[in-house]
Structures are given as structure tokens and as C-alpha cells.
Amino acid sequence: MTFVRACGLSELEEDTPKRVELDGTPVSVVLTGGEVFAINDICSHANVSLAEGEVDDCHIECWLHGSRFDLRSGKPDALPATRPVPVYPVKIEGDDVLVSLTQES
């Protein structure tokens, strides 16, 4: 599994998504509850940036129609979205947040 640097851990604010682009893939990096998650930044329902939404209880909410996605699995738990979005493995090395675009299952 190949990891690439997404951002610095010190650049993240609790419950505030940070949008990055890794090899042409838009990714939201989220620090919440002391853990860092990486999820594809595009809502599976409306094709808009999830990084513009709000984070609550390990979920990210799409700002446009209110679909919520679990940051751990990418699965939606609020309509209108019915399809999950990819989530990606994350590891921390020093201040670097590293993400692998290999999709977790």
C-alpha cells in the first residue's frame, strides 16, 4: 500500500474537513474525536464537495441536501444518498497525515 502526504496534522482543526487533491482524487481529511479520517470528497448523491459540510459524531454531512456519511465506512445513513463514498487508509508520521488511495473494504 502506497501512502502519500495529504497535509500536516497541525493544519487540521477538530471537526473541520480539509479538502486536498491526491493524484487527481479529491479527498476530505477530517480530525474528529482524536482520530483522522480520509473520505472521498464528492457526495455520491449530488456531486458536490463534502468538505463544505459539517462533521458530527464521526459523520460528515453534505451541505446541499443533508446526506450524512460515516467517516469510518463511507456508508450513507441519511437520505437522499443511497450509495457509499470511498474511504481511505490513514497513518500519521510526525506531523504528516499520510493517505493511501487504496480503498478500504
Protein backbone atom coordinates (compact mmCIF):
# COMPACT_ATOMS: atom_id res chain seq x y z
CA MET A 1 0.00 0.00 0.00
CA THR A 2 1.43 3.36 -1.03
CA PHE A 3 0.82 6.36 1.22
CA VAL A 4 1.18 9.99 0.12
CA ARG A 5 1.26 13.12 2.26
CA ALA A 6 -2.14 14.79 2.35
CA CYS A 7 -1.43 17.59 4.84
CA GLY A 8 0.10 18.36 8.20
CA LEU A 9 -1.68 17.19 11.33
CA SER A 10 -1.15 20.70 12.68
CA GLU A 11 -3.19 22.05 9.73
CA LEU A 12 -6.32 20.20 10.84
CA GLU A 13 -8.96 21.67 13.13
CA GLU A 14 -11.28 19.40 15.10
CA ASP A 15 -14.49 18.64 13.16
CA THR A 16 -13.47 20.87 10.23
CA PRO A 17 -12.93 18.99 6.94
CA LYS A 18 -9.87 19.89 4.87
CA ARG A 19 -10.11 19.31 1.12
CA VAL A 20 -6.98 18.06 -0.61
CA GLU A 21 -6.32 16.56 -4.02
CA LEU A 22 -4.18 13.43 -4.21
CA ASP A 23 -3.20 12.20 -7.67
CA GLY A 24 -6.29 13.91 -9.10
CA THR A 25 -8.65 12.48 -6.46
CA PRO A 26 -10.49 14.95 -4.21
CA VAL A 27 -10.27 13.86 -0.57
CA SER A 28 -11.69 15.29 2.66
CA VAL A 29 -9.34 14.83 5.60
CA VAL A 30 -11.12 15.09 8.95
CA LEU A 31 -9.86 15.19 12.54
CA THR A 32 -12.64 14.20 14.91
CA GLY A 33 -12.58 12.64 18.35
CA GLY A 34 -8.79 12.50 18.23
CA GLU A 35 -8.77 10.34 15.06
CA VAL A 36 -8.02 11.31 11.47
CA PHE A 37 -10.14 10.03 8.60
CA ALA A 38 -9.93 10.38 4.82
CA ILE A 39 -13.03 10.10 2.66
CA ASN A 40 -13.66 10.85 -0.99
CA ASP A 41 -14.71 14.49 -1.14
CA ILE A 42 -17.56 14.06 -3.63
CA CYS A 43 -21.09 13.30 -2.39
CA SER A 44 -22.46 10.19 -4.11
CA HIS A 45 -25.85 11.85 -4.48
CA ALA A 46 -25.21 15.37 -5.71
CA ASN A 47 -21.58 15.53 -6.91
CA VAL A 48 -20.63 18.38 -4.55
CA SER A 49 -17.75 18.76 -2.07
CA LEU A 50 -18.30 17.10 1.29
CA ALA A 51 -15.54 19.29 2.79
CA GLU A 52 -18.03 22.16 2.74
CA GLY A 53 -20.34 20.23 5.09
CA GLU A 54 -20.38 19.74 8.84
CA VAL A 55 -18.87 16.96 10.94
CA ASP A 56 -20.69 15.46 13.90
CA ASP A 57 -20.31 12.15 15.75
CA CYS A 58 -17.91 10.60 13.16
CA HIS A 59 -20.18 11.59 10.27
CA ILE A 60 -19.85 14.20 7.55
CA GLU A 61 -22.99 15.88 6.21
CA CYS A 62 -23.38 17.09 2.65
CA TRP A 63 -24.25 20.77 2.76
CA LEU A 64 -26.57 20.62 -0.27
CA HIS A 65 -29.21 18.02 0.60
CA GLY A 66 -28.23 16.78 4.08
CA SER A 67 -26.97 13.28 3.25
CA ARG A 68 -24.69 12.00 6.03
CA PHE A 69 -21.77 9.61 5.55
CA ASP A 70 -19.96 7.58 8.19
CA LEU A 71 -16.29 8.63 8.15
CA ARG A 72 -15.24 5.07 9.05
CA SER A 73 -17.11 3.23 6.30
CA GLY A 74 -18.32 5.83 3.80
CA LYS A 75 -21.85 4.43 4.11
CA PRO A 76 -24.73 6.91 3.98
CA ASP A 77 -27.11 6.99 6.93
CA ALA A 78 -29.39 9.79 5.78
CA LEU A 79 -31.24 10.23 2.52
CA PRO A 80 -31.17 11.23 -0.25
CA ALA A 81 -27.80 9.46 -0.72
CA THR A 82 -28.03 5.68 -1.04
CA ARG A 83 -24.52 4.86 -2.31
CA PRO A 84 -21.39 4.94 -0.13
CA VAL A 85 -18.34 7.06 -0.90
CA PRO A 86 -14.82 5.60 -0.73
CA VAL A 87 -12.82 5.89 2.47
CA TYR A 88 -9.04 5.64 2.52
CA PRO A 89 -6.45 4.33 4.99
CA VAL A 90 -4.67 7.00 7.03
CA LYS A 91 -1.46 6.91 9.03
CA ILE A 92 0.31 9.64 10.96
CA GLU A 93 4.08 10.07 10.87
CA GLY A 94 5.23 13.00 12.99
CA ASP A 95 3.16 15.95 11.73
CA ASP A 96 2.41 14.32 8.37
CA VAL A 97 -1.02 12.90 7.58
CA LEU A 98 -0.48 10.17 5.01
CA VAL A 99 -3.31 8.70 2.93
CA SER A 100 -3.43 5.68 0.65
CA LEU A 101 -5.87 5.90 -2.22
CA THR A 102 -6.32 2.16 -1.96
CA GLN A 103 -9.94 1.83 -0.91
CA GLU A 104 -10.65 0.17 2.45
CA SER A 105 -13.19 -2.62 2.37
